[in-house]
N, C-alpha and C. Protein backbone atom coordinates (compact mmCIF):
# COMPACT_ATOMS: atom_id res chain seq x y z
N UNK A 1 0.81 -0.99 0.53
CA UNK A 1 0.22 0.13 -0.10
C UNK A 1 0.75 1.11 -0.43
N UNK A 2 0.24 1.92 -0.85
CA UNK A 2 1.09 3.11 -1.00
C UNK A 2 0.75 4.70 -1.28
N UNK A 3 1.01 5.63 -0.92
CA UNK A 3 -0.72 7.12 -1.18
C UNK A 3 0.76 7.73 -2.00
N UNK A 4 -0.52 7.99 -3.25
CA UNK A 4 0.39 8.56 -3.92
C UNK A 4 0.91 9.82 -4.15
N UNK A 5 1.08 10.18 -5.38
CA UNK A 5 2.39 11.73 -4.66
C UNK A 5 1.06 12.11 -4.59
N UNK A 6 -0.19 12.79 -5.62
CA UNK A 6 -1.76 13.81 -5.71
C UNK A 6 -1.61 13.81 -4.13
N UNK A 7 -1.71 12.75 -3.08
CA UNK A 7 -2.14 12.88 -2.18
C UNK A 7 -0.70 13.52 -1.07
N UNK A 8 0.15 12.90 -0.99
CA UNK A 8 1.19 13.44 -0.69
C UNK A 8 1.56 15.09 -0.68
N UNK A 9 0.76 15.61 -2.23
CA UNK A 9 1.14 17.25 -2.21
C UNK A 9 0.42 18.07 -2.04
N UNK A 10 -0.92 17.33 -1.94
CA UNK A 10 -2.41 18.16 -1.70
C UNK A 10 -2.14 17.92 -0.10
N UNK A 11 -1.62 17.70 0.57
CA UNK A 11 -1.49 17.69 1.85
C UNK A 11 -0.63 18.56 2.23
N UNK A 12 0.74 19.26 1.58
CA UNK A 12 1.57 19.16 1.31
C UNK A 12 1.61 20.69 1.18
N UNK A 13 1.03 21.24 0.01
CA UNK A 13 -0.12 22.29 -0.34
C UNK A 13 -1.10 23.07 0.73
N UNK A 14 -1.64 21.63 1.44
CA UNK A 14 -2.96 22.33 2.47
C UNK A 14 -1.62 22.48 3.60
N UNK A 15 -0.37 22.55 3.42
CA UNK A 15 0.41 22.98 5.17
C UNK A 15 0.74 23.91 4.77
N UNK A 16 1.36 24.34 3.21
CA UNK A 16 1.67 25.50 3.39
C UNK A 16 0.76 26.65 3.37
N UNK A 17 -0.05 26.98 2.84
CA UNK A 17 -1.22 27.64 3.14
C UNK A 17 -1.31 27.52 4.71
N UNK A 18 -1.28 26.83 4.98
CA UNK A 18 -2.23 26.96 6.87
C UNK A 18 -0.77 27.73 7.28
N UNK A 19 0.50 27.50 6.99
CA UNK A 19 1.16 27.60 7.87
C UNK A 19 1.51 29.59 7.63
N UNK A 20 0.84 29.95 6.11
CA UNK A 20 0.74 31.28 5.90
C UNK A 20 0.04 31.85 5.80
N UNK A 21 -1.54 31.21 6.45
CA UNK A 21 -2.71 31.62 6.42
C UNK A 21 -3.26 33.56 7.11
N UNK A 22 -2.52 33.12 8.55
CA UNK A 22 -2.92 34.61 8.31
C UNK A 22 -2.10 35.36 8.30
N UNK A 23 -1.12 35.36 7.08
CA UNK A 23 -0.37 36.45 6.75
C UNK A 23 -1.43 37.13 5.21
N UNK A 24 -2.05 35.99 4.75
CA UNK A 24 -2.64 36.13 4.13
C UNK A 24 -2.48 35.20 2.50
N UNK A 25 -3.37 35.22 1.56
CA UNK A 25 -3.92 34.39 0.77
C UNK A 25 -2.41 34.06 0.39
N UNK A 26 -1.87 32.14 -0.20
CA UNK A 26 -0.80 32.20 -0.81
C UNK A 26 -1.03 31.54 -2.43
N UNK A 27 -0.24 32.09 -3.04
CA UNK A 27 -0.43 32.14 -4.57
C UNK A 27 0.41 30.75 -4.71
N UNK A 28 -0.69 29.73 -6.13
CA UNK A 28 0.35 28.62 -6.14
C UNK A 28 1.56 28.34 -6.91
N UNK A 29 1.97 29.69 -7.32
CA UNK A 29 3.41 30.11 -8.07
C UNK A 29 4.03 29.98 -6.65
N UNK A 30 3.83 30.32 -5.64
CA UNK A 30 4.43 30.18 -4.24
C UNK A 30 4.51 29.21 -3.47
N UNK A 31 4.13 28.09 -3.85
CA UNK A 31 3.46 26.61 -3.02
C UNK A 31 4.26 26.28 -3.95
N UNK A 32 4.34 26.23 -5.71
CA UNK A 32 5.36 25.81 -6.16
C UNK A 32 6.57 25.42 -5.97
N UNK A 33 6.86 27.20 -5.61
CA UNK A 33 8.49 27.32 -5.90
C UNK A 33 8.60 26.88 -4.35
N UNK A 34 8.22 27.14 -3.19
CA UNK A 34 8.78 27.03 -2.17
C UNK A 34 8.74 25.02 -1.69
N UNK A 35 7.43 24.06 -1.89
CA UNK A 35 7.05 22.70 -2.00
C UNK A 35 7.88 22.14 -3.22
N UNK A 36 8.48 22.75 -3.91
CA UNK A 36 8.97 21.54 -5.14
C UNK A 36 8.05 21.05 -5.93
N UNK A 37 6.81 21.75 -5.89
CA UNK A 37 6.12 21.25 -6.76
C UNK A 37 5.22 21.46 -8.21
N UNK A 38 5.27 21.15 -9.38
CA UNK A 38 4.58 21.84 -10.49
C UNK A 38 3.40 22.58 -10.07
N UNK A 39 3.34 23.51 -10.87
CA UNK A 39 2.52 24.41 -10.93
C UNK A 39 1.19 24.00 -11.36
N UNK A 40 1.61 23.46 -12.31
CA UNK A 40 0.20 22.25 -13.16
C UNK A 40 -0.64 21.35 -12.49
N UNK A 41 0.72 20.78 -11.43
CA UNK A 41 0.32 19.50 -10.27
C UNK A 41 -1.03 20.23 -9.30
N UNK A 42 -0.84 21.71 -9.11
CA UNK A 42 -0.98 22.29 -8.29
C UNK A 42 -2.11 22.47 -8.59
N UNK A 43 -2.49 23.34 -10.10
CA UNK A 43 -3.31 24.38 -10.30
C UNK A 43 -4.38 22.76 -10.62
N UNK A 44 -4.01 21.48 -10.67
CA UNK A 44 -5.22 20.12 -11.17
C UNK A 44 -5.25 20.17 -9.55
N UNK A 45 -5.05 19.92 -8.71
CA UNK A 45 -4.52 19.79 -6.94
C UNK A 45 -6.11 20.76 -6.52
N UNK A 46 -6.04 21.77 -6.46
CA UNK A 46 -6.92 23.14 -6.28
C UNK A 46 -7.92 23.06 -7.09
N UNK A 47 -8.06 22.66 -7.68
CA UNK A 47 -9.23 22.64 -8.72
C UNK A 47 -10.29 21.45 -7.24
N UNK A 48 -9.03 20.26 -7.28
CA UNK A 48 -10.23 19.54 -6.41
C UNK A 48 -10.56 20.38 -4.37
N UNK A 49 -9.82 20.54 -4.31
CA UNK A 49 -9.66 20.97 -2.60
C UNK A 49 -10.95 21.61 -2.69
N UNK A 50 -11.11 23.36 -4.33
CA UNK A 50 -11.65 23.63 -3.50
C UNK A 50 -13.29 23.56 -3.67
N UNK A 51 -12.99 22.37 -5.05
CA UNK A 51 -15.20 22.05 -4.83
C UNK A 51 -15.08 21.07 -3.70
N UNK A 52 -14.33 20.35 -2.69
CA UNK A 52 -14.21 20.16 -1.75
C UNK A 52 -14.45 20.94 -0.49
N UNK A 53 -14.84 22.41 -0.52
CA UNK A 53 -14.44 23.41 -0.23
C UNK A 53 -13.32 23.69 0.99
N UNK A 54 -12.02 23.05 1.03
CA UNK A 54 -11.49 22.68 1.83
C UNK A 54 -10.34 24.75 1.60
N UNK A 55 -10.09 25.27 0.52
CA UNK A 55 -9.77 26.27 0.30
C UNK A 55 -10.52 26.91 -0.50
N UNK A 56 -10.32 28.64 -0.50
CA UNK A 56 -10.90 29.27 -0.68
C UNK A 56 -10.22 30.47 -1.99
N UNK A 57 -10.34 30.87 -2.90
CA UNK A 57 -9.90 32.04 -3.62
C UNK A 57 -10.40 32.99 -3.54
N UNK A 58 -9.33 34.02 -3.75
CA UNK A 58 -9.55 35.03 -3.29
C UNK A 58 -8.79 36.18 -4.54
N UNK A 59 -9.47 36.20 -5.36
CA UNK A 59 -9.01 37.12 -6.80
C UNK A 59 -8.48 38.64 -6.38
N UNK A 60 -7.89 39.17 -7.70
CA UNK A 60 -7.35 40.04 -7.24
C UNK A 60 -5.68 40.31 -6.94
N UNK A 61 -5.42 41.36 -6.90
CA UNK A 61 -3.45 41.80 -6.72
C UNK A 61 -3.84 41.75 -4.87
N UNK A 62 -2.42 40.89 -4.35
CA UNK A 62 -2.60 39.93 -3.28
C UNK A 62 -3.03 38.93 -3.87
N UNK A 63 -3.91 38.56 -4.39
CA UNK A 63 -4.42 37.06 -4.35
C UNK A 63 -4.06 35.96 -4.36
N UNK A 64 -4.43 35.07 -4.21
CA UNK A 64 -4.40 33.19 -3.79
C UNK A 64 -5.38 32.40 -3.50
N UNK A 65 -5.42 31.83 -2.36
CA UNK A 65 -6.10 30.61 -1.96
C UNK A 65 -5.49 30.92 0.00
N UNK A 66 -6.98 30.66 0.02
CA UNK A 66 -6.46 30.69 1.53
C UNK A 66 -7.56 29.31 2.18
N UNK A 67 -7.21 28.84 3.36
CA UNK A 67 -8.22 27.97 4.00
C UNK A 67 -9.53 28.60 3.97
N UNK A 68 -10.57 27.16 3.98
CA UNK A 68 -11.74 27.48 4.00
C UNK A 68 -12.29 27.53 5.23
N UNK A 69 -11.25 26.77 6.17
CA UNK A 69 -11.99 26.29 7.50
C UNK A 69 -11.18 26.55 8.60
N UNK A 70 -11.07 26.95 9.72
CA UNK A 70 -9.32 26.91 10.74
C UNK A 70 -8.95 25.76 10.27
N UNK A 71 -7.58 26.17 10.31
CA UNK A 71 -6.54 24.77 11.02
C UNK A 71 -6.87 23.71 11.59
N UNK A 72 -7.82 24.01 12.63
CA UNK A 72 -7.84 23.03 13.45
C UNK A 72 -8.99 22.08 13.23
N UNK A 73 -9.60 22.28 12.25
CA UNK A 73 -11.01 21.85 11.48
C UNK A 73 -10.31 21.05 10.29
N UNK A 74 -9.55 20.84 9.49
CA UNK A 74 -9.28 20.68 8.45
C UNK A 74 -8.39 19.09 8.88
N UNK A 75 -9.02 18.10 8.23
CA UNK A 75 -8.06 16.34 9.00
C UNK A 75 -7.46 16.30 7.92
N UNK A 76 -5.95 16.05 7.83
CA UNK A 76 -5.30 14.80 6.63
C UNK A 76 -5.91 13.72 5.90
N UNK A 77 -7.09 13.41 6.65
CA UNK A 77 -7.84 11.80 5.65
C UNK A 77 -8.47 13.12 4.72
N UNK A 78 -9.27 14.52 5.38
CA UNK A 78 -10.05 14.95 4.45
C UNK A 78 -9.82 15.10 2.87
N UNK A 79 -8.56 16.41 3.64
CA UNK A 79 -7.92 16.26 2.14
C UNK A 79 -6.97 15.45 1.20
N UNK A 80 -6.93 14.17 1.74
CA UNK A 80 -6.92 13.01 1.38
C UNK A 80 -7.99 12.21 -0.29
N UNK A 81 -8.60 12.32 0.77
CA UNK A 81 -9.71 12.07 0.39
C UNK A 81 -10.48 13.34 -1.44
N UNK A 82 -10.23 14.20 -0.64
CA UNK A 82 -10.56 15.20 -1.04
C UNK A 82 -10.02 15.23 -2.95
N UNK A 83 -8.90 14.69 -3.10
CA UNK A 83 -7.83 14.79 -4.71
C UNK A 83 -8.15 13.41 -4.91
N UNK A 84 -9.22 12.59 -4.35
CA UNK A 84 -9.60 11.19 -5.19
C UNK A 84 -8.78 10.27 -4.61
N UNK A 85 -8.25 10.21 -3.76
CA UNK A 85 -6.76 9.33 -3.31
C UNK A 85 -7.58 8.49 -2.18
N UNK A 86 -7.18 7.34 -2.23
CA UNK A 86 -7.86 6.22 -1.91
C UNK A 86 -6.77 5.00 -0.62
N UNK A 87 -6.43 5.29 0.76
CA UNK A 87 -5.58 4.95 1.33
C UNK A 87 -6.00 3.50 1.62
N UNK A 88 -5.64 2.62 0.76
CA UNK A 88 -6.48 1.35 0.92
C UNK A 88 -5.43 0.02 0.85
N UNK A 89 -5.33 -0.87 2.05
CA UNK A 89 -4.62 -1.30 1.72
C UNK A 89 -5.33 -2.88 1.79
N UNK A 90 -5.90 -3.02 1.18
CA UNK A 90 -6.80 -3.72 0.94
C UNK A 90 -5.99 -4.72 -0.89
N UNK A 91 -6.79 -6.01 -0.57
CA UNK A 91 -6.58 -6.93 -1.90
C UNK A 91 -7.51 -6.83 -3.05
N UNK A 92 -7.93 -6.12 -2.99
CA UNK A 92 -9.19 -5.55 -4.20
C UNK A 92 -10.33 -5.26 -4.12
N UNK A 93 -9.91 -3.48 -3.11
CA UNK A 93 -11.30 -2.81 -2.80
C UNK A 93 -11.28 -3.44 -1.62
N UNK A 94 -12.85 -2.52 -1.12
CA UNK A 94 -13.63 -3.15 -0.10
C UNK A 94 -14.08 -4.10 0.02
N UNK A 95 -15.05 -4.56 -0.80
CA UNK A 95 -16.35 -5.27 -1.30
C UNK A 95 -15.32 -6.70 -1.79
N UNK A 96 -14.61 -7.06 -2.47
CA UNK A 96 -14.09 -8.08 -3.15
C UNK A 96 -12.55 -8.77 -3.39
N UNK A 97 -11.90 -9.33 -3.28
CA UNK A 97 -10.07 -9.26 -3.97
C UNK A 97 -10.98 -9.61 -5.58
N UNK A 98 -11.61 -11.07 -5.72
CA UNK A 98 -11.30 -11.46 -6.69
C UNK A 98 -13.12 -11.63 -6.68
N UNK A 99 -13.12 -11.79 -7.84
CA UNK A 99 -14.82 -11.08 -8.65
C UNK A 99 -15.46 -11.01 -7.22
N UNK A 100 -15.62 -12.16 -7.25
CA UNK A 100 -17.27 -11.99 -5.94
C UNK A 100 -16.97 -12.78 -5.25
N UNK A 101 -15.21 -13.57 -4.58
CA UNK A 101 -15.52 -13.86 -2.91
C UNK A 101 -13.41 -13.20 -2.75
N UNK A 102 -14.05 -13.16 -1.34
CA UNK A 102 -12.63 -12.61 -0.32
C UNK A 102 -11.64 -13.30 -0.58
N UNK A 103 -10.59 -12.68 -0.14
CA UNK A 103 -9.57 -14.12 -0.26
C UNK A 103 -9.60 -13.88 1.08
N UNK A 104 -8.52 -14.99 1.93
CA UNK A 104 -8.32 -15.60 3.20
C UNK A 104 -8.09 -14.29 4.23
N UNK A 105 -7.35 -13.35 3.60
CA UNK A 105 -6.43 -12.55 4.22
C UNK A 105 -6.95 -10.97 4.41
N UNK A 106 -8.42 -10.90 3.45
CA UNK A 106 -9.49 -9.83 3.14
C UNK A 106 -8.91 -8.96 4.87
N UNK A 107 -10.01 -9.56 5.66
CA UNK A 107 -10.21 -8.60 6.75
C UNK A 107 -9.19 -7.79 7.08
N UNK A 108 -7.83 -8.64 7.34
CA UNK A 108 -6.48 -8.24 8.56
C UNK A 108 -6.58 -6.79 7.31
N UNK A 109 -6.79 -6.86 6.07
CA UNK A 109 -6.29 -5.63 4.89
C UNK A 109 -7.24 -4.49 4.77
N UNK A 110 -8.95 -4.90 5.31
CA UNK A 110 -9.05 -3.70 5.41
C UNK A 110 -9.49 -3.40 7.34
N UNK A 111 -9.04 -3.97 8.04
CA UNK A 111 -8.89 -3.43 9.60
C UNK A 111 -8.08 -2.87 9.06
N UNK A 112 -6.25 -3.24 8.96
CA UNK A 112 -5.14 -2.13 8.50
C UNK A 112 -6.07 -0.94 7.71
N UNK A 113 -6.65 -0.69 6.80
CA UNK A 113 -7.25 0.38 6.39
C UNK A 113 -8.07 1.66 6.74
N UNK A 114 -9.02 0.88 7.79
CA UNK A 114 -9.41 1.18 8.62
C UNK A 114 -8.35 2.14 10.17
N UNK A 115 -7.53 1.62 10.51
CA UNK A 115 -6.68 1.92 11.05
C UNK A 115 -6.03 2.72 10.60
N UNK A 116 -5.61 3.52 9.92
CA UNK A 116 -4.94 4.75 8.79
C UNK A 116 -5.37 5.28 8.67
N UNK A 117 -6.73 5.24 7.76
CA UNK A 117 -7.98 6.41 7.53
C UNK A 117 -8.23 6.91 9.10
N UNK A 118 -8.41 6.33 10.35
CA UNK A 118 -8.74 7.12 12.02
C UNK A 118 -8.06 7.70 12.18
N UNK A 119 -5.98 7.03 11.63
CA UNK A 119 -5.07 7.55 12.30
C UNK A 119 -4.92 9.05 11.40
N UNK A 120 -5.00 9.40 10.17
CA UNK A 120 -5.39 10.69 9.82
C UNK A 120 -6.49 11.26 9.77
N UNK A 121 -7.40 10.90 10.25
CA UNK A 121 -8.50 11.90 10.15
C UNK A 121 -8.55 12.31 11.77
N UNK A 122 -7.32 11.74 12.59
CA UNK A 122 -6.95 12.17 14.69
C UNK A 122 -6.42 12.88 14.17
N UNK A 123 -5.70 13.45 12.43
CA UNK A 123 -4.34 14.65 13.11
C UNK A 123 -5.02 15.90 11.93
N UNK A 124 -5.41 17.08 12.36
CA UNK A 124 -5.96 18.05 11.57
C UNK A 124 -4.87 18.51 11.24
N UNK A 125 -4.70 19.87 10.00
CA UNK A 125 -3.18 20.51 9.95
C UNK A 125 -3.28 21.46 11.02
N UNK A 126 -3.67 22.23 12.10
CA UNK A 126 -2.72 22.98 13.30
C UNK A 126 -2.32 22.31 14.09
N UNK A 127 -2.65 20.70 14.31
CA UNK A 127 -2.06 20.03 15.26
C UNK A 127 -0.36 19.46 14.88
N UNK A 128 -0.62 18.89 13.57
CA UNK A 128 0.28 18.45 12.48
C UNK A 128 1.76 20.19 12.69
N UNK A 129 1.44 21.44 12.46
CA UNK A 129 1.88 22.37 12.37
C UNK A 129 2.62 22.52 13.82
N UNK A 130 1.72 22.10 14.60
CA UNK A 130 2.10 22.12 16.29
C UNK A 130 3.51 21.47 16.27
N UNK A 131 3.76 20.76 15.57
CA UNK A 131 4.66 19.60 15.98
C UNK A 131 6.21 19.88 16.21
N UNK A 132 7.31 19.96 16.86
CA UNK A 132 8.01 20.45 17.00
C UNK A 132 8.83 19.82 16.17
N UNK A 133 9.25 19.20 15.07
CA UNK A 133 9.81 18.13 14.15
C UNK A 133 9.32 19.07 13.28
N UNK A 134 8.03 19.70 12.50
CA UNK A 134 7.23 20.62 11.91
C UNK A 134 7.82 21.83 11.65
N UNK A 135 7.79 21.81 12.39
CA UNK A 135 8.54 23.64 13.28
C UNK A 135 9.33 23.93 12.76
N UNK A 136 10.52 22.88 12.60
CA UNK A 136 11.80 22.94 12.19
C UNK A 136 11.94 23.39 10.85
N UNK A 137 11.03 22.25 10.83
CA UNK A 137 11.75 22.59 8.77
C UNK A 137 10.66 23.29 8.47
N UNK A 138 9.80 24.18 9.15
CA UNK A 138 8.92 25.85 8.78
C UNK A 138 10.05 26.75 9.14
N UNK A 139 11.07 26.24 9.94
CA UNK A 139 11.72 27.59 9.93
C UNK A 139 13.33 27.31 9.09
N UNK A 140 13.21 26.08 8.55
CA UNK A 140 14.51 26.22 7.65
C UNK A 140 13.82 26.21 6.29
N UNK A 141 13.12 26.31 5.85
CA UNK A 141 12.35 27.06 4.42
C UNK A 141 12.65 28.01 4.76
N UNK A 142 12.22 28.86 5.13
CA UNK A 142 11.94 30.56 6.05
C UNK A 142 13.07 31.11 6.26
N UNK A 143 14.46 30.41 6.27
CA UNK A 143 15.25 30.54 6.20
C UNK A 143 16.34 30.56 4.89
N UNK A 144 16.21 29.16 3.81
CA UNK A 144 15.95 29.15 2.70
C UNK A 144 15.90 30.39 1.80
N UNK A 145 14.33 30.46 1.87
CA UNK A 145 13.47 32.03 1.25
C UNK A 145 14.53 33.02 1.60
N UNK A 146 14.38 33.08 2.78
CA UNK A 146 14.85 34.69 3.40
C UNK A 146 16.22 34.62 2.36
N UNK A 147 17.33 33.37 2.45
CA UNK A 147 18.00 33.85 1.46
C UNK A 147 18.46 33.68 0.20
N UNK A 148 17.63 33.35 -1.18
CA UNK A 148 16.95 33.36 -2.17
C UNK A 148 16.86 34.99 -2.37
N UNK A 149 15.80 35.27 -1.21
CA UNK A 149 15.20 36.92 -1.31
C UNK A 149 16.53 38.05 -1.61
N UNK A 150 17.41 37.68 -0.67
CA UNK A 150 19.02 38.30 -0.09
C UNK A 150 20.12 38.21 -1.70
N UNK A 151 19.52 36.80 -2.58
CA UNK A 151 20.73 36.93 -3.35
C UNK A 151 20.86 37.12 -4.98
N UNK A 152 18.51 37.86 -4.57
CA UNK A 152 18.30 38.31 -5.07
C UNK A 152 17.98 39.94 -5.33
N UNK A 153 19.00 40.71 -4.53
CA UNK A 153 19.06 41.90 -4.32
C UNK A 153 20.66 42.11 -4.32
N UNK A 154 20.68 42.92 -5.63
CA UNK A 154 22.71 43.31 -5.93
C UNK A 154 22.71 43.90 -5.15
N UNK A 155 23.97 44.30 -4.76
CA UNK A 155 24.95 45.78 -4.90
C UNK A 155 24.96 46.65 -5.50
N UNK A 156 24.78 47.56 -4.95
CA UNK A 156 25.00 49.38 -5.53
C UNK A 156 25.61 49.02 -6.36
N UNK A 157 26.21 49.35 -7.45
CA UNK A 157 27.25 49.30 -8.17
C UNK A 157 27.88 50.75 -7.92
N UNK A 158 29.17 51.05 -7.06
CA UNK A 158 30.05 52.04 -6.72
C UNK A 158 29.81 52.87 -8.24
N UNK A 159 30.07 54.47 -8.01
CA UNK A 159 29.76 55.31 -8.83
C UNK A 159 31.67 55.81 -9.52
N UNK A 160 31.84 56.06 -10.46
CA UNK A 160 33.04 55.63 -10.99
C UNK A 160 33.63 57.45 -11.11
């Protein structure tokens, strides 16, 4: 069982918005740059996230995306489900492994799938953001971003 990039990228992008939500809307271009996710891929994901009312778009200068609800009300499981991702460890889906009959271990894999869903549904964006290890990544990304901004500013050329 493996979570595809669709689910992982959607969670990463939503985390990025949750981090910056107090500052205002976040553009997909900013998320793309900071998280190294293709802009066109983000556009596809955000169409689905918008449809499920997890984000809302803000038009105009300074526009972008914001969380549609507080970060403490959005779970990781909701985000994954919104982009049509299933965290399913079963051998052939929820109902049958082979066309009409379940296999010997089907119940085991169904139980695992339910545990994974329950685990992801118990974690909100806010609770995950408050973890010390996540805070360390946020600090590192902020430092890297400020370093990039400094490199873009060229020193003045002395007058001859």
